[in-house]
Protein backbone atom coordinates (compact mmCIF):
# COMPACT_ATOMS: atom_id res chain seq x y z
CA MET A 1 28.26 1.12 -16.16
CA ASN A 2 26.04 -1.82 -16.77
CA GLY A 3 22.65 -1.85 -18.44
CA TRP A 4 20.60 -1.51 -15.08
CA ILE A 5 22.38 1.61 -14.20
CA LEU A 6 21.91 2.86 -17.56
CA ALA A 7 18.16 2.18 -17.53
CA ALA A 8 17.96 3.80 -14.15
CA THR A 9 19.56 6.75 -15.32
CA LEU A 10 17.44 7.31 -18.36
CA THR A 11 14.24 6.56 -16.12
CA LEU A 12 15.27 9.08 -13.52
CA ALA A 13 16.56 11.65 -15.88
CA ALA A 14 13.46 11.66 -17.94
CA GLY A 15 10.90 10.96 -15.27
CA LEU A 16 12.23 13.45 -12.62
CA THR A 17 12.79 16.09 -15.40
CA ALA A 18 9.24 16.07 -16.18
CA ALA A 19 8.06 15.98 -12.73
CA LEU A 20 10.37 18.87 -11.68
CA TRP A 21 8.89 20.82 -14.75
CA GLY A 22 5.38 20.02 -13.79
CA VAL A 23 6.05 21.12 -10.04
CA ALA A 24 7.85 24.25 -11.16
CA THR A 25 5.27 25.67 -13.56
CA GLY A 26 1.71 25.73 -14.55
CA PRO A 27 -1.68 25.40 -12.60
CA LEU A 28 -2.19 23.60 -9.17
CA ARG A 29 -3.66 20.80 -11.03
CA ARG A 30 -0.26 20.14 -12.88
CA ARG A 31 1.67 20.51 -9.65
CA VAL A 32 -0.06 17.79 -7.91
CA VAL A 33 0.04 15.39 -10.53
CA ALA A 34 3.61 16.06 -11.12
CA GLN A 35 4.18 15.31 -7.27
CA ASN A 36 2.47 11.99 -7.55
CA LEU A 37 4.64 11.29 -10.80
CA SER A 38 7.80 11.87 -9.00
CA THR A 39 7.19 8.95 -6.71
CA ALA A 40 5.81 6.76 -9.54
CA VAL A 41 9.32 7.45 -11.35
CA ALA A 42 11.45 7.24 -8.39
CA CYS A 43 10.69 3.80 -7.03
CA PRO A 44 11.33 2.10 -10.44
CA GLY A 45 14.58 4.13 -10.67
CA LEU A 46 15.73 2.96 -7.16
CA LEU A 47 14.90 -0.82 -8.11
CA LEU A 48 16.92 -0.65 -11.08
CA LEU A 49 19.71 0.74 -9.16
CA ALA A 50 19.45 -1.94 -6.34
CA GLN A 51 19.95 -4.39 -9.44
CA GLY A 52 22.64 -2.38 -10.84
CA TYR A 53 24.85 -1.81 -7.73
CA ASP A 54 23.96 -5.00 -6.03
CA ARG A 55 22.30 -3.21 -3.02
CA PRO A 56 19.35 -4.90 -1.58
CA SER A 57 18.97 -1.81 0.86
CA TYR A 58 17.85 0.03 -2.14
CA VAL A 59 14.74 -2.16 -2.69
CA ASP A 60 13.83 -1.35 1.06
CA LEU A 61 14.00 2.36 0.14
CA ALA A 62 11.73 1.83 -2.82
CA LEU A 63 9.37 -0.01 -0.66
CA VAL A 64 9.11 2.62 1.91
CA LEU A 65 8.58 5.30 -0.98
CA ALA A 66 6.02 3.20 -2.63
CA LEU A 67 4.13 3.11 0.56
CA LEU A 68 4.46 6.78 1.69
CA GLY A 69 4.63 8.69 -1.67
CA PRO A 70 0.80 7.97 -2.55
CA VAL A 71 -0.03 8.90 1.15
CA GLY A 72 1.52 12.32 0.48
CA THR A 73 -0.59 12.67 -2.70
CA LEU A 74 -3.65 11.76 -0.79
CA VAL A 75 -2.96 14.45 2.03
CA PHE A 76 -2.37 17.07 -0.89
CA ALA A 77 -5.68 15.76 -2.40
CA ARG A 78 -7.57 16.23 0.81
CA LEU A 79 -6.10 19.60 1.76
CA LEU A 80 -6.53 20.94 -1.76
CA ALA A 81 -10.03 19.69 -2.69
CA GLY A 82 -11.51 23.04 -2.79
CA GLU A 83 -8.92 24.61 -5.05
CA LEU A 84 -8.73 21.49 -7.23
CA ALA A 85 -12.60 21.69 -7.88
CA ALA A 86 -12.20 24.81 -9.69
CA ASP A 87 -9.59 23.20 -12.07
CA PRO A 88 -9.67 19.50 -11.80
CA PRO A 89 -6.41 17.52 -12.54
CA ARG A 90 -6.47 15.03 -15.71
CA ALA A 91 -3.66 12.51 -15.07
CA ARG A 92 -5.17 9.42 -16.72
CA GLY A 93 -2.30 9.10 -19.47
CA VAL A 94 0.60 9.92 -17.02
CA THR A 95 -0.75 7.61 -14.26
CA TRP A 96 -1.19 4.63 -16.70
CA ALA A 97 2.29 5.37 -18.39
CA ALA A 98 3.81 5.37 -14.80
CA ALA A 99 2.06 2.34 -13.86
CA GLY A 100 3.48 0.50 -16.86
CA LEU A 101 6.92 1.60 -16.23
CA ALA A 102 6.65 0.25 -12.81
CA ALA A 103 5.19 -3.13 -14.06
CA VAL A 104 7.72 -3.66 -16.54
CA VAL A 105 10.69 -2.74 -14.18
CA VAL A 106 9.20 -4.99 -11.51
CA LEU A 107 8.67 -8.20 -13.97
CA ALA A 108 12.06 -7.51 -15.48
CA LEU A 109 13.66 -7.63 -12.09
CA CYS A 110 11.60 -10.66 -10.80
CA ALA A 111 12.83 -12.50 -14.01
CA VAL A 112 16.40 -11.64 -13.20
CA THR A 113 16.03 -12.46 -9.40
CA GLY A 114 14.24 -15.54 -9.52
CA PRO A 115 12.05 -17.14 -6.77
CA GLY A 116 12.69 -16.28 -3.41
CA ARG A 117 12.42 -13.65 -0.64
CA ALA A 118 13.65 -11.06 -2.70
CA MET A 119 11.29 -11.64 -5.58
CA ALA A 120 8.40 -11.56 -2.98
CA LYS A 121 9.62 -8.15 -1.88
CA LEU A 122 9.91 -6.80 -5.51
CA LEU A 123 6.29 -7.98 -5.86
CA VAL A 124 5.01 -6.10 -2.96
CA THR A 125 6.71 -3.07 -3.79
CA GLY A 126 5.53 -3.16 -7.43
CA ALA A 127 1.88 -3.84 -5.94
CA LEU A 128 2.33 -0.86 -3.56
CA LEU A 129 3.58 1.31 -6.13
CA ILE A 130 1.00 0.68 -8.76
CA GLY A 131 -1.89 0.51 -6.63
CA GLY A 132 -1.02 3.37 -4.58
CA ASN A 133 -0.42 5.66 -7.57
CA LEU A 134 -3.57 4.51 -9.05
CA VAL A 135 -5.64 5.28 -5.90
CA ALA A 136 -3.79 8.53 -5.40
CA SER A 137 -4.49 9.54 -9.05
CA ARG A 138 -8.21 8.59 -8.59
CA ALA A 139 -8.40 10.76 -5.37
CA LEU A 140 -6.86 13.77 -7.24
CA THR A 141 -9.47 13.64 -9.94
CA GLY A 142 -12.28 12.61 -7.30
CA ALA A 143 -11.16 15.39 -5.13
CA ALA A 144 -12.28 17.74 -7.79
CA GLY A 145 -15.88 16.53 -7.52
CA GLU A 146 -15.91 17.36 -3.84
CA THR A 147 -15.87 20.78 -2.34
CA GLY A 148 -13.89 21.09 0.91
CA GLY A 149 -16.21 20.35 3.91
CA THR A 150 -19.62 20.08 2.51
CA GLY A 151 -21.60 17.26 2.34
CA ARG A 152 -24.67 15.97 0.55
CA GLY A 153 -27.81 16.56 1.71
């Protein structure tokens, strides 16, 4: 076991345990934030595993997950806007911690990878992951300000 695999194991164990606990317990606001957290933790874990096992295909999987994970959260935010309005999520700390984790992992892997196509793929994955999760988190807290189907007028 090398350091990359150990880092991936710790990241996945800590992050997905917290996400599983959040999804399994508590109010709706905690469950939707935990669902968003699961993507934000799984992607850096996959990137670390890609480096640890020397499998570039894991980076492709992380790229797809970074693209589709926040989209799923946006769907939940839209469908559950009415219920979230009563008890709005507060995910600022979790969101910034997940974004910081993703940035650290991507920058460390870019330093190891060096310039080239693999580095460009890592940067795109990191940008999608960080940007997507920030947008999804903002949509969750913004969905609380809306009521499903009513407009201003």
